[in-house]
Amino acid sequence: MTSTAKKSTGIKSRSRVRERGEVFTQSREVNDILALTEATSNRYWRFLEPSCGNGNFLEAILKQRLEHLKQDRIEWHHKNREFSVLKILSTIYGVDIAEDNILECRKRMLKVIFEYMPKRSNKGFLLALDEILRTNLLIGDMLNGKDRIYFVEYTTPIQGKFKRKIYALTDMENNIEKAIQEFPIIDYTKLANYPAQINPKKDTND
């Protein structure tokens, strides 16, 4: 965990600033920027932070979307709540070049979720949280390593179930909508039993 002094200046170390230009956006600026965007106006819109650091923006977006969710009597009903929370989490993506940032970001996102959900939730839900965080918060270089970045798209064709497709970032940038891999529809409680491999090889026959 970073010290209070480092958090207040928005850096972890001067060497990281020199080597990576790493400076974290502070909470007040994060909230001001989000107020000027539509990032949280629809809680199920997909959002990507290409240089997410340790998750300042993503944490704020998750909190705001969960607050919106609480106002929905149907989605927040105890029978639907777990799936609704997973749907929100599955729409939030982040990439960062530093492994420690991504690991910290995943922990922060989990902490936010546990502020709204009991830690004694069913095992399938907890494992699904870890699986979505693994696929959506990625270690990668968005400048020099785009060809090694893949995203898992989660859709919800049926209540309580996910459909997953894997797309290459380079294909997405070139408006190629063909998925590299697709997975069968699966109940959210079994999501982690069939993990999506996020570094698939393209079909050389295409």
N, C-alpha and C. Protein backbone atom coordinates (compact mmCIF):
# COMPACT_ATOMS: atom_id res chain seq x y z
N MET A 1 0.85 -1.19 0.00
CA MET A 1 0.00 0.00 0.00
C MET A 1 0.88 1.24 0.00
N THR A 2 0.52 2.22 -0.82
CA THR A 2 1.32 3.43 -0.90
C THR A 2 1.10 4.30 0.32
N SER A 3 2.08 5.13 0.63
CA SER A 3 1.98 6.00 1.78
C SER A 3 1.03 7.15 1.50
N THR A 4 0.60 7.84 2.58
CA THR A 4 -0.29 8.98 2.42
C THR A 4 0.37 10.07 1.60
N ALA A 5 1.67 10.28 1.82
CA ALA A 5 2.38 11.32 1.08
C ALA A 5 2.40 11.03 -0.40
N LYS A 6 2.65 9.78 -0.74
CA LYS A 6 2.69 9.42 -2.16
C LYS A 6 1.32 9.53 -2.79
N LYS A 7 0.28 9.14 -2.04
CA LYS A 7 -1.07 9.25 -2.60
C LYS A 7 -1.44 10.69 -2.86
N SER A 8 -1.02 11.58 -1.97
CA SER A 8 -1.41 12.97 -2.12
C SER A 8 -0.75 13.62 -3.32
N THR A 9 0.43 13.13 -3.71
CA THR A 9 1.11 13.68 -4.87
C THR A 9 0.77 12.93 -6.15
N GLY A 10 0.07 11.80 -6.03
CA GLY A 10 -0.34 11.05 -7.20
C GLY A 10 0.75 10.23 -7.84
N ILE A 11 1.80 9.89 -7.07
CA ILE A 11 2.86 9.06 -7.61
C ILE A 11 3.23 7.97 -6.61
N LYS A 12 3.83 6.89 -7.13
CA LYS A 12 4.36 5.85 -6.26
C LYS A 12 5.84 6.06 -6.00
N SER A 13 6.56 6.48 -7.02
CA SER A 13 7.98 6.80 -6.86
C SER A 13 8.43 7.70 -7.99
N ARG A 14 9.46 8.46 -7.76
CA ARG A 14 9.98 9.35 -8.80
C ARG A 14 10.55 8.56 -9.96
N SER A 15 11.12 7.38 -9.66
CA SER A 15 11.69 6.57 -10.75
C SER A 15 10.60 6.10 -11.70
N ARG A 16 9.41 5.79 -11.17
CA ARG A 16 8.31 5.35 -12.04
C ARG A 16 7.81 6.51 -12.89
N VAL A 17 7.86 7.71 -12.35
CA VAL A 17 7.48 8.88 -13.14
C VAL A 17 8.47 9.06 -14.28
N ARG A 18 9.76 8.92 -14.00
CA ARG A 18 10.79 9.10 -15.03
C ARG A 18 10.70 8.01 -16.10
N GLU A 19 10.53 6.75 -15.66
CA GLU A 19 10.57 5.63 -16.60
C GLU A 19 9.28 5.44 -17.38
N ARG A 20 8.13 5.74 -16.74
CA ARG A 20 6.84 5.43 -17.36
C ARG A 20 5.93 6.64 -17.50
N GLY A 21 6.32 7.75 -16.92
CA GLY A 21 5.41 8.89 -16.88
C GLY A 21 4.19 8.60 -16.05
N GLU A 22 4.36 7.79 -14.99
CA GLU A 22 3.24 7.32 -14.18
C GLU A 22 2.86 8.35 -13.12
N VAL A 23 1.70 8.95 -13.31
CA VAL A 23 1.12 9.88 -12.34
C VAL A 23 -0.36 9.56 -12.23
N PHE A 24 -0.85 9.36 -11.01
CA PHE A 24 -2.23 8.96 -10.80
C PHE A 24 -3.15 10.17 -10.64
N THR A 25 -4.30 10.10 -11.30
CA THR A 25 -5.30 11.16 -11.18
C THR A 25 -5.94 11.08 -9.79
N GLN A 26 -6.05 12.23 -9.13
CA GLN A 26 -6.59 12.25 -7.77
C GLN A 26 -8.11 12.23 -7.76
N SER A 27 -8.68 11.89 -6.59
CA SER A 27 -10.12 11.64 -6.46
C SER A 27 -10.96 12.83 -6.93
N ARG A 28 -10.58 14.03 -6.55
CA ARG A 28 -11.38 15.19 -6.93
C ARG A 28 -11.41 15.36 -8.43
N GLU A 29 -10.24 15.19 -9.07
CA GLU A 29 -10.18 15.32 -10.53
C GLU A 29 -10.95 14.19 -11.21
N VAL A 30 -10.86 12.99 -10.64
CA VAL A 30 -11.60 11.86 -11.19
C VAL A 30 -13.09 12.16 -11.21
N ASN A 31 -13.62 12.62 -10.08
CA ASN A 31 -15.05 12.91 -9.99
C ASN A 31 -15.46 14.06 -10.91
N ASP A 32 -14.59 15.07 -11.03
CA ASP A 32 -14.89 16.19 -11.92
C ASP A 32 -14.96 15.74 -13.37
N ILE A 33 -14.03 14.88 -13.76
CA ILE A 33 -14.00 14.39 -15.14
C ILE A 33 -15.22 13.51 -15.42
N LEU A 34 -15.54 12.62 -14.48
CA LEU A 34 -16.68 11.73 -14.68
C LEU A 34 -17.98 12.52 -14.77
N ALA A 35 -18.05 13.63 -14.05
CA ALA A 35 -19.26 14.46 -14.10
C ALA A 35 -19.47 15.08 -15.47
N LEU A 36 -18.40 15.16 -16.26
CA LEU A 36 -18.48 15.74 -17.60
C LEU A 36 -18.69 14.69 -18.69
N THR A 37 -18.72 13.42 -18.30
CA THR A 37 -18.88 12.34 -19.27
C THR A 37 -20.16 11.58 -19.02
N GLU A 38 -20.40 10.56 -19.86
CA GLU A 38 -21.57 9.69 -19.69
C GLU A 38 -21.14 8.31 -19.20
N ALA A 39 -19.99 8.25 -18.54
CA ALA A 39 -19.42 6.96 -18.15
C ALA A 39 -20.31 6.18 -17.18
N THR A 40 -21.12 6.90 -16.40
CA THR A 40 -21.96 6.20 -15.43
C THR A 40 -23.45 6.43 -15.67
N SER A 41 -23.81 7.10 -16.76
CA SER A 41 -25.22 7.38 -17.01
C SER A 41 -25.98 6.10 -17.36
N ASN A 42 -25.31 5.11 -17.93
CA ASN A 42 -25.90 3.79 -18.17
C ASN A 42 -24.98 2.78 -17.51
N ARG A 43 -25.48 2.10 -16.51
CA ARG A 43 -24.60 1.24 -15.71
C ARG A 43 -24.09 0.02 -16.45
N TYR A 44 -24.63 -0.27 -17.62
CA TYR A 44 -24.18 -1.44 -18.37
C TYR A 44 -23.41 -1.08 -19.65
N TRP A 45 -23.10 0.20 -19.86
CA TRP A 45 -22.24 0.55 -20.98
C TRP A 45 -20.82 0.08 -20.70
N ARG A 46 -20.15 -0.36 -21.76
CA ARG A 46 -18.76 -0.79 -21.58
C ARG A 46 -17.83 0.41 -21.48
N PHE A 47 -16.88 0.31 -20.58
CA PHE A 47 -15.92 1.39 -20.35
C PHE A 47 -14.52 0.79 -20.29
N LEU A 48 -13.59 1.38 -21.05
CA LEU A 48 -12.19 0.95 -21.06
C LEU A 48 -11.29 2.10 -20.65
N GLU A 49 -10.44 1.84 -19.65
CA GLU A 49 -9.41 2.79 -19.26
C GLU A 49 -8.07 2.22 -19.74
N PRO A 50 -7.49 2.77 -20.83
CA PRO A 50 -6.30 2.17 -21.45
C PRO A 50 -5.02 2.31 -20.65
N SER A 51 -5.01 3.17 -19.67
CA SER A 51 -3.86 3.29 -18.77
C SER A 51 -4.43 3.49 -17.37
N CYS A 52 -4.92 2.40 -16.80
CA CYS A 52 -5.78 2.50 -15.61
C CYS A 52 -5.02 2.70 -14.31
N GLY A 53 -3.69 2.56 -14.33
CA GLY A 53 -2.95 2.70 -13.09
C GLY A 53 -3.45 1.71 -12.06
N ASN A 54 -3.63 2.18 -10.83
CA ASN A 54 -4.13 1.28 -9.78
C ASN A 54 -5.64 1.41 -9.58
N GLY A 55 -6.32 2.07 -10.51
CA GLY A 55 -7.77 1.97 -10.55
C GLY A 55 -8.59 3.14 -10.05
N ASN A 56 -8.03 4.34 -10.01
CA ASN A 56 -8.80 5.47 -9.50
C ASN A 56 -10.10 5.71 -10.27
N PHE A 57 -10.00 5.73 -11.60
CA PHE A 57 -11.20 5.93 -12.41
C PHE A 57 -12.15 4.74 -12.32
N LEU A 58 -11.60 3.55 -12.43
CA LEU A 58 -12.45 2.36 -12.46
C LEU A 58 -13.17 2.16 -11.13
N GLU A 59 -12.49 2.44 -10.03
CA GLU A 59 -13.13 2.33 -8.73
C GLU A 59 -14.30 3.31 -8.62
N ALA A 60 -14.10 4.54 -9.06
CA ALA A 60 -15.15 5.56 -8.99
C ALA A 60 -16.34 5.18 -9.86
N ILE A 61 -16.06 4.66 -11.06
CA ILE A 61 -17.15 4.25 -11.96
C ILE A 61 -17.94 3.10 -11.35
N LEU A 62 -17.23 2.13 -10.79
CA LEU A 62 -17.90 0.98 -10.18
C LEU A 62 -18.80 1.44 -9.03
N LYS A 63 -18.30 2.33 -8.18
CA LYS A 63 -19.10 2.82 -7.05
C LYS A 63 -20.36 3.53 -7.54
N GLN A 64 -20.21 4.40 -8.53
CA GLN A 64 -21.36 5.15 -9.02
C GLN A 64 -22.39 4.22 -9.66
N ARG A 65 -21.91 3.22 -10.39
CA ARG A 65 -22.85 2.29 -11.04
C ARG A 65 -23.57 1.42 -10.01
N LEU A 66 -22.86 1.03 -8.96
CA LEU A 66 -23.51 0.24 -7.92
C LEU A 66 -24.53 1.07 -7.15
N GLU A 67 -24.23 2.34 -6.96
CA GLU A 67 -25.21 3.22 -6.32
C GLU A 67 -26.47 3.33 -7.16
N HIS A 68 -26.31 3.43 -8.48
CA HIS A 68 -27.47 3.46 -9.38
C HIS A 68 -28.24 2.15 -9.29
N LEU A 69 -27.50 1.05 -9.22
CA LEU A 69 -28.12 -0.27 -9.17
C LEU A 69 -29.01 -0.41 -7.93
N LYS A 70 -28.58 0.14 -6.82
CA LYS A 70 -29.33 0.04 -5.57
C LYS A 70 -30.71 0.68 -5.69
N GLN A 71 -30.86 1.60 -6.63
CA GLN A 71 -32.14 2.28 -6.79
C GLN A 71 -33.13 1.48 -7.64
N ASP A 72 -32.65 0.41 -8.23
CA ASP A 72 -33.49 -0.43 -9.09
C ASP A 72 -34.03 -1.60 -8.26
N ARG A 73 -35.31 -1.57 -7.95
CA ARG A 73 -35.88 -2.56 -7.05
C ARG A 73 -35.81 -3.98 -7.61
N ILE A 74 -35.90 -4.10 -8.93
CA ILE A 74 -35.87 -5.42 -9.55
C ILE A 74 -34.44 -5.95 -9.60
N GLU A 75 -33.53 -5.14 -10.14
CA GLU A 75 -32.13 -5.58 -10.28
C GLU A 75 -31.47 -5.79 -8.92
N TRP A 76 -31.89 -5.00 -7.92
CA TRP A 76 -31.27 -5.09 -6.59
C TRP A 76 -31.98 -6.10 -5.70
N HIS A 77 -33.03 -6.71 -6.19
CA HIS A 77 -33.72 -7.76 -5.44
C HIS A 77 -32.72 -8.87 -5.12
N HIS A 78 -32.84 -9.46 -3.96
CA HIS A 78 -31.84 -10.44 -3.52
C HIS A 78 -31.69 -11.62 -4.48
N LYS A 79 -32.75 -11.92 -5.24
CA LYS A 79 -32.64 -13.02 -6.20
C LYS A 79 -31.84 -12.63 -7.45
N ASN A 80 -31.74 -11.34 -7.74
CA ASN A 80 -31.07 -10.87 -8.95
C ASN A 80 -29.76 -10.13 -8.67
N ARG A 81 -29.51 -9.80 -7.42
CA ARG A 81 -28.43 -8.88 -7.08
C ARG A 81 -27.06 -9.38 -7.51
N GLU A 82 -26.75 -10.63 -7.24
CA GLU A 82 -25.43 -11.14 -7.60
C GLU A 82 -25.18 -11.01 -9.10
N PHE A 83 -26.14 -11.44 -9.88
CA PHE A 83 -25.98 -11.38 -11.33
C PHE A 83 -25.88 -9.94 -11.81
N SER A 84 -26.67 -9.04 -11.23
CA SER A 84 -26.63 -7.63 -11.62
C SER A 84 -25.26 -7.01 -11.32
N VAL A 85 -24.70 -7.35 -10.19
CA VAL A 85 -23.37 -6.83 -9.84
C VAL A 85 -22.32 -7.36 -10.81
N LEU A 86 -22.41 -8.62 -11.15
CA LEU A 86 -21.47 -9.20 -12.11
C LEU A 86 -21.61 -8.56 -13.48
N LYS A 87 -22.85 -8.27 -13.89
CA LYS A 87 -23.07 -7.60 -15.18
C LYS A 87 -22.36 -6.25 -15.21
N ILE A 88 -22.49 -5.49 -14.13
CA ILE A 88 -21.82 -4.20 -14.06
C ILE A 88 -20.31 -4.37 -14.14
N LEU A 89 -19.77 -5.28 -13.33
CA LEU A 89 -18.32 -5.49 -13.33
C LEU A 89 -17.82 -5.92 -14.70
N SER A 90 -18.61 -6.73 -15.40
CA SER A 90 -18.17 -7.27 -16.70
C SER A 90 -18.08 -6.21 -17.79
N THR A 91 -18.62 -5.02 -17.54
CA THR A 91 -18.57 -3.95 -18.54
C THR A 91 -17.40 -2.99 -18.32
N ILE A 92 -16.63 -3.20 -17.27
CA ILE A 92 -15.54 -2.28 -16.91
C ILE A 92 -14.21 -2.94 -17.22
N TYR A 93 -13.39 -2.26 -18.05
CA TYR A 93 -12.11 -2.81 -18.49
C TYR A 93 -10.97 -1.85 -18.17
N GLY A 94 -9.82 -2.41 -17.87
CA GLY A 94 -8.64 -1.58 -17.65
C GLY A 94 -7.38 -2.31 -18.08
N VAL A 95 -6.43 -1.56 -18.59
CA VAL A 95 -5.13 -2.11 -19.00
C VAL A 95 -4.05 -1.23 -18.40
N ASP A 96 -2.99 -1.84 -17.91
CA ASP A 96 -1.85 -1.07 -17.42
C ASP A 96 -0.58 -1.89 -17.62
N ILE A 97 0.51 -1.21 -17.83
CA ILE A 97 1.77 -1.88 -18.11
C ILE A 97 2.41 -2.48 -16.86
N ALA A 98 2.00 -1.99 -15.69
CA ALA A 98 2.61 -2.42 -14.43
C ALA A 98 1.76 -3.48 -13.74
N GLU A 99 2.36 -4.61 -13.47
CA GLU A 99 1.64 -5.72 -12.83
C GLU A 99 1.13 -5.33 -11.45
N ASP A 100 1.94 -4.60 -10.67
CA ASP A 100 1.51 -4.25 -9.32
C ASP A 100 0.29 -3.32 -9.35
N ASN A 101 0.20 -2.47 -10.36
CA ASN A 101 -0.97 -1.61 -10.49
C ASN A 101 -2.24 -2.43 -10.75
N ILE A 102 -2.14 -3.40 -11.64
CA ILE A 102 -3.30 -4.22 -11.97
C ILE A 102 -3.73 -5.05 -10.76
N LEU A 103 -2.78 -5.62 -10.05
CA LEU A 103 -3.12 -6.41 -8.86
C LEU A 103 -3.80 -5.53 -7.81
N GLU A 104 -3.30 -4.31 -7.64
CA GLU A 104 -3.91 -3.39 -6.69
C GLU A 104 -5.31 -2.97 -7.15
N CYS A 105 -5.44 -2.75 -8.45
CA CYS A 105 -6.74 -2.36 -9.00
C CYS A 105 -7.77 -3.45 -8.77
N ARG A 106 -7.41 -4.70 -9.00
CA ARG A 106 -8.34 -5.80 -8.77
C ARG A 106 -8.78 -5.85 -7.31
N LYS A 107 -7.85 -5.65 -6.39
CA LYS A 107 -8.18 -5.66 -4.97
C LYS A 107 -9.12 -4.52 -4.61
N ARG A 108 -8.88 -3.35 -5.20
CA ARG A 108 -9.75 -2.20 -4.92
C ARG A 108 -11.16 -2.43 -5.43
N MET A 109 -11.27 -3.04 -6.59
CA MET A 109 -12.59 -3.30 -7.15
C MET A 109 -13.35 -4.32 -6.29
N LEU A 110 -12.64 -5.34 -5.81
CA LEU A 110 -13.27 -6.30 -4.93
C LEU A 110 -13.73 -5.65 -3.64
N LYS A 111 -12.90 -4.77 -3.11
CA LYS A 111 -13.26 -4.08 -1.87
C LYS A 111 -14.54 -3.28 -2.04
N VAL A 112 -14.67 -2.60 -3.17
CA VAL A 112 -15.89 -1.83 -3.44
C VAL A 112 -17.09 -2.76 -3.47
N ILE A 113 -16.97 -3.87 -4.17
CA ILE A 113 -18.10 -4.80 -4.28
C ILE A 113 -18.51 -5.33 -2.92
N PHE A 114 -17.54 -5.61 -2.06
CA PHE A 114 -17.87 -6.13 -0.74
C PHE A 114 -18.44 -5.07 0.19
N GLU A 115 -18.38 -3.81 -0.22
CA GLU A 115 -19.08 -2.77 0.52
C GLU A 115 -20.59 -2.84 0.26
N TYR A 116 -20.95 -3.50 -0.84
CA TYR A 116 -22.36 -3.61 -1.23
C TYR A 116 -22.89 -5.03 -1.08
N MET A 117 -21.99 -5.99 -1.12
CA MET A 117 -22.41 -7.40 -1.07
C MET A 117 -21.77 -8.08 0.13
N PRO A 118 -22.47 -9.05 0.73
CA PRO A 118 -21.87 -9.78 1.86
C PRO A 118 -20.72 -10.66 1.40
N LYS A 119 -19.66 -10.70 2.20
CA LYS A 119 -18.52 -11.55 1.86
C LYS A 119 -18.88 -13.03 1.89
N ARG A 120 -19.98 -13.35 2.55
CA ARG A 120 -20.42 -14.74 2.62
C ARG A 120 -21.39 -15.07 1.50
N SER A 121 -21.22 -14.43 0.37
CA SER A 121 -22.02 -14.75 -0.81
C SER A 121 -21.66 -16.16 -1.27
N ASN A 122 -22.49 -16.71 -2.17
CA ASN A 122 -22.23 -18.09 -2.58
C ASN A 122 -20.91 -18.19 -3.33
N LYS A 123 -20.34 -19.36 -3.27
CA LYS A 123 -19.00 -19.60 -3.81
C LYS A 123 -18.93 -19.30 -5.30
N GLY A 124 -19.98 -19.67 -6.03
CA GLY A 124 -19.99 -19.44 -7.47
C GLY A 124 -19.89 -17.98 -7.81
N PHE A 125 -20.58 -17.14 -7.05
CA PHE A 125 -20.52 -15.70 -7.26
C PHE A 125 -19.12 -15.16 -6.99
N LEU A 126 -18.51 -15.58 -5.89
CA LEU A 126 -17.17 -15.11 -5.54
C LEU A 126 -16.13 -15.52 -6.58
N LEU A 127 -16.25 -16.74 -7.07
CA LEU A 127 -15.32 -17.20 -8.10
C LEU A 127 -15.54 -16.46 -9.41
N ALA A 128 -16.81 -16.14 -9.71
CA ALA A 128 -17.10 -15.39 -10.93
C ALA A 128 -16.52 -13.98 -10.84
N LEU A 129 -16.55 -13.37 -9.67
CA LEU A 129 -15.91 -12.06 -9.48
C LEU A 129 -14.44 -12.13 -9.86
N ASP A 130 -13.75 -13.13 -9.34
CA ASP A 130 -12.32 -13.26 -9.62
C ASP A 130 -12.07 -13.48 -11.11
N GLU A 131 -12.92 -14.28 -11.75
CA GLU A 131 -12.73 -14.57 -13.17
C GLU A 131 -12.91 -13.32 -14.02
N ILE A 132 -13.94 -12.52 -13.73
CA ILE A 132 -14.17 -11.30 -14.51
C ILE A 132 -13.06 -10.29 -14.28
N LEU A 133 -12.60 -10.16 -13.05
CA LEU A 133 -11.48 -9.25 -12.78
C LEU A 133 -10.22 -9.72 -13.51
N ARG A 134 -10.02 -11.02 -13.61
CA ARG A 134 -8.85 -11.56 -14.31
C ARG A 134 -8.89 -11.22 -15.80
N THR A 135 -10.08 -11.33 -16.40
CA THR A 135 -10.18 -11.11 -17.84
C THR A 135 -10.30 -9.63 -18.22
N ASN A 136 -10.80 -8.81 -17.30
CA ASN A 136 -11.10 -7.42 -17.65
C ASN A 136 -10.05 -6.42 -17.20
N LEU A 137 -9.22 -6.77 -16.24
CA LEU A 137 -8.14 -5.89 -15.78
C LEU A 137 -6.83 -6.56 -16.16
N LEU A 138 -6.20 -6.02 -17.20
CA LEU A 138 -5.11 -6.73 -17.87
C LEU A 138 -3.78 -6.01 -17.76
N ILE A 139 -2.72 -6.80 -17.66
CA ILE A 139 -1.37 -6.28 -17.78
C ILE A 139 -1.04 -6.22 -19.27
N GLY A 140 -0.73 -5.03 -19.76
CA GLY A 140 -0.44 -4.89 -21.18
C GLY A 140 0.06 -3.51 -21.53
N ASP A 141 0.66 -3.42 -22.70
CA ASP A 141 1.21 -2.16 -23.20
C ASP A 141 0.34 -1.67 -24.35
N MET A 142 -0.44 -0.65 -24.10
CA MET A 142 -1.36 -0.13 -25.11
C MET A 142 -0.66 0.69 -26.18
N LEU A 143 0.61 0.96 -26.01
CA LEU A 143 1.37 1.69 -27.03
C LEU A 143 2.18 0.77 -27.92
N ASN A 144 2.90 -0.16 -27.30
CA ASN A 144 3.82 -0.99 -28.07
C ASN A 144 3.49 -2.48 -28.05
N GLY A 145 2.38 -2.84 -27.43
CA GLY A 145 2.05 -4.26 -27.34
C GLY A 145 0.60 -4.55 -27.62
N LYS A 146 -0.02 -3.77 -28.52
CA LYS A 146 -1.44 -3.95 -28.81
C LYS A 146 -1.75 -5.32 -29.39
N ASP A 147 -0.80 -5.89 -30.11
CA ASP A 147 -1.04 -7.19 -30.75
C ASP A 147 -1.11 -8.32 -29.73
N ARG A 148 -0.80 -8.04 -28.48
CA ARG A 148 -0.85 -9.07 -27.44
C ARG A 148 -1.98 -8.82 -26.44
N ILE A 149 -2.90 -7.95 -26.79
CA ILE A 149 -4.01 -7.62 -25.89
C ILE A 149 -5.32 -8.14 -26.47
N TYR A 150 -6.05 -8.88 -25.65
CA TYR A 150 -7.33 -9.46 -26.04
C TYR A 150 -8.36 -9.13 -24.98
N PHE A 151 -9.58 -8.87 -25.42
CA PHE A 151 -10.65 -8.55 -24.49
C PHE A 151 -11.74 -9.61 -24.57
N VAL A 152 -12.28 -9.94 -23.41
CA VAL A 152 -13.43 -10.84 -23.33
C VAL A 152 -14.70 -10.00 -23.24
N GLU A 153 -15.59 -10.18 -24.20
CA GLU A 153 -16.88 -9.49 -24.18
C GLU A 153 -17.90 -10.39 -23.49
N TYR A 154 -18.53 -9.84 -22.46
CA TYR A 154 -19.59 -10.55 -21.74
C TYR A 154 -20.94 -9.98 -22.17
N THR A 155 -21.83 -10.86 -22.60
CA THR A 155 -23.21 -10.45 -22.86
C THR A 155 -24.13 -11.34 -22.03
N THR A 156 -25.38 -10.91 -21.90
CA THR A 156 -26.32 -11.61 -21.02
C THR A 156 -27.61 -11.92 -21.77
N PRO A 157 -27.58 -12.91 -22.66
CA PRO A 157 -28.77 -13.24 -23.46
C PRO A 157 -29.91 -13.81 -22.63
N ILE A 158 -29.58 -14.38 -21.48
CA ILE A 158 -30.58 -14.97 -20.60
C ILE A 158 -30.27 -14.52 -19.17
N GLN A 159 -31.30 -14.21 -18.41
CA GLN A 159 -31.12 -13.81 -17.02
C GLN A 159 -30.34 -14.88 -16.26
N GLY A 160 -29.27 -14.46 -15.62
CA GLY A 160 -28.48 -15.38 -14.82
C GLY A 160 -27.39 -16.10 -15.58
N LYS A 161 -27.26 -15.81 -16.89
CA LYS A 161 -26.26 -16.52 -17.70
C LYS A 161 -25.45 -15.53 -18.53
N PHE A 162 -24.20 -15.91 -18.78
CA PHE A 162 -23.30 -15.10 -19.60
C PHE A 162 -22.96 -15.82 -20.90
N LYS A 163 -22.75 -15.01 -21.94
CA LYS A 163 -22.18 -15.46 -23.21
C LYS A 163 -20.88 -14.71 -23.39
N ARG A 164 -19.77 -15.40 -23.71
CA ARG A 164 -18.47 -14.74 -23.82
C ARG A 164 -17.88 -14.90 -25.22
N LYS A 165 -17.27 -13.82 -25.70
CA LYS A 165 -16.52 -13.84 -26.95
C LYS A 165 -15.20 -13.12 -26.72
N ILE A 166 -14.16 -13.59 -27.38
CA ILE A 166 -12.84 -12.97 -27.26
C ILE A 166 -12.52 -12.23 -28.55
N TYR A 167 -12.07 -10.98 -28.38
CA TYR A 167 -11.69 -10.14 -29.52
C TYR A 167 -10.26 -9.64 -29.33
N ALA A 168 -9.53 -9.54 -30.45
CA ALA A 168 -8.19 -8.96 -30.42
C ALA A 168 -8.31 -7.44 -30.52
N LEU A 169 -7.52 -6.74 -29.74
CA LEU A 169 -7.56 -5.28 -29.77
C LEU A 169 -7.25 -4.75 -31.16
N THR A 170 -6.27 -5.34 -31.84
CA THR A 170 -5.90 -4.85 -33.17
C THR A 170 -7.05 -5.03 -34.16
N ASP A 171 -7.82 -6.11 -34.03
CA ASP A 171 -8.99 -6.30 -34.88
C ASP A 171 -10.04 -5.24 -34.59
N MET A 172 -10.26 -4.97 -33.33
CA MET A 172 -11.25 -3.97 -32.93
C MET A 172 -10.90 -2.60 -33.50
N GLU A 173 -9.62 -2.26 -33.48
CA GLU A 173 -9.20 -0.96 -34.00
C GLU A 173 -9.36 -0.87 -35.51
N ASN A 174 -9.33 -2.02 -36.17
CA ASN A 174 -9.50 -2.06 -37.63
C ASN A 174 -10.93 -2.38 -38.04
N ASN A 175 -11.85 -2.26 -37.07
CA ASN A 175 -13.28 -2.50 -37.33
C ASN A 175 -13.57 -3.91 -37.82
N ILE A 176 -12.74 -4.85 -37.38
CA ILE A 176 -12.99 -6.27 -37.67
C ILE A 176 -13.77 -6.84 -36.49
N GLU A 177 -15.01 -7.22 -36.71
CA GLU A 177 -15.88 -7.61 -35.61
C GLU A 177 -15.90 -9.12 -35.37
N LYS A 178 -15.09 -9.86 -36.08
CA LYS A 178 -15.08 -11.31 -35.91
C LYS A 178 -14.41 -11.70 -34.60
N ALA A 179 -15.10 -12.50 -33.80
CA ALA A 179 -14.53 -12.99 -32.55
C ALA A 179 -13.51 -14.08 -32.83
N ILE A 180 -12.44 -14.08 -32.06
CA ILE A 180 -11.42 -15.11 -32.19
C ILE A 180 -11.90 -16.42 -31.58
N GLN A 181 -12.69 -16.29 -30.52
CA GLN A 181 -13.20 -17.48 -29.85
C GLN A 181 -14.53 -17.15 -29.19
N GLU A 182 -15.44 -18.11 -29.18
CA GLU A 182 -16.73 -17.95 -28.51
C GLU A 182 -16.94 -19.09 -27.53
N PHE A 183 -17.66 -18.81 -26.47
CA PHE A 183 -17.94 -19.80 -25.44
C PHE A 183 -19.45 -20.00 -25.33
N PRO A 184 -19.88 -21.19 -25.00
CA PRO A 184 -21.32 -21.44 -24.84
C PRO A 184 -21.90 -20.60 -23.70
N ILE A 185 -23.19 -20.39 -23.76
CA ILE A 185 -23.88 -19.70 -22.68
C ILE A 185 -23.74 -20.52 -21.40
N ILE A 186 -23.45 -19.81 -20.29
CA ILE A 186 -23.19 -20.52 -19.04
C ILE A 186 -23.78 -19.76 -17.86
N ASP A 187 -24.24 -20.49 -16.87
CA ASP A 187 -24.75 -19.90 -15.65
C ASP A 187 -23.62 -19.16 -14.93
N TYR A 188 -23.93 -18.00 -14.37
CA TYR A 188 -22.87 -17.18 -13.77
C TYR A 188 -22.17 -17.89 -12.62
N THR A 189 -22.85 -18.79 -11.93
CA THR A 189 -22.23 -19.49 -10.80
C THR A 189 -21.20 -20.52 -11.26
N LYS A 190 -21.20 -20.83 -12.56
CA LYS A 190 -20.24 -21.81 -13.09
C LYS A 190 -19.20 -21.15 -14.00
N LEU A 191 -19.20 -19.83 -14.03
CA LEU A 191 -18.33 -19.09 -14.95
C LEU A 191 -16.86 -19.46 -14.76
N ALA A 192 -16.42 -19.53 -13.52
CA ALA A 192 -15.01 -19.79 -13.24
C ALA A 192 -14.60 -21.23 -13.53
N ASN A 193 -15.59 -22.11 -13.69
CA ASN A 193 -15.27 -23.50 -14.02
C ASN A 193 -14.76 -23.65 -15.44
N TYR A 194 -15.07 -22.65 -16.28
CA TYR A 194 -14.66 -22.67 -17.69
C TYR A 194 -14.01 -21.33 -18.02
N PRO A 195 -12.79 -21.10 -17.50
CA PRO A 195 -12.15 -19.78 -17.68
C PRO A 195 -11.82 -19.49 -19.13
N ALA A 196 -11.95 -18.22 -19.49
CA ALA A 196 -11.60 -17.78 -20.85
C ALA A 196 -10.11 -17.52 -20.91
N GLN A 197 -9.45 -18.11 -21.88
CA GLN A 197 -8.02 -17.87 -22.08
C GLN A 197 -7.88 -16.56 -22.85
N ILE A 198 -7.21 -15.58 -22.26
CA ILE A 198 -7.18 -14.25 -22.85
C ILE A 198 -5.98 -14.02 -23.77
N ASN A 199 -5.22 -15.07 -24.06
CA ASN A 199 -4.14 -14.95 -25.04
C ASN A 199 -4.28 -16.03 -26.11
N PRO A 200 -5.43 -16.09 -26.77
CA PRO A 200 -5.64 -17.14 -27.77
C PRO A 200 -4.85 -16.87 -29.04
N LYS A 201 -4.60 -17.90 -29.79
CA LYS A 201 -3.92 -17.76 -31.08
C LYS A 201 -4.96 -17.60 -32.18
N LYS A 202 -4.69 -16.70 -33.11
CA LYS A 202 -5.62 -16.52 -34.21
C LYS A 202 -5.61 -17.74 -35.12
N ASP A 203 -6.74 -17.98 -35.75
CA ASP A 203 -6.85 -19.06 -36.71
C ASP A 203 -6.05 -18.71 -37.95
N THR A 204 -4.99 -19.47 -38.19
CA THR A 204 -4.11 -19.17 -39.33
C THR A 204 -4.77 -19.46 -40.66
N ASN A 205 -5.93 -20.12 -40.65
CA ASN A 205 -6.63 -20.42 -41.90
C ASN A 205 -7.52 -19.29 -42.37
N ASP A 206 -7.70 -18.25 -41.50
CA ASP A 206 -8.58 -17.14 -41.87
C ASP A 206 -7.96 -16.32 -43.00
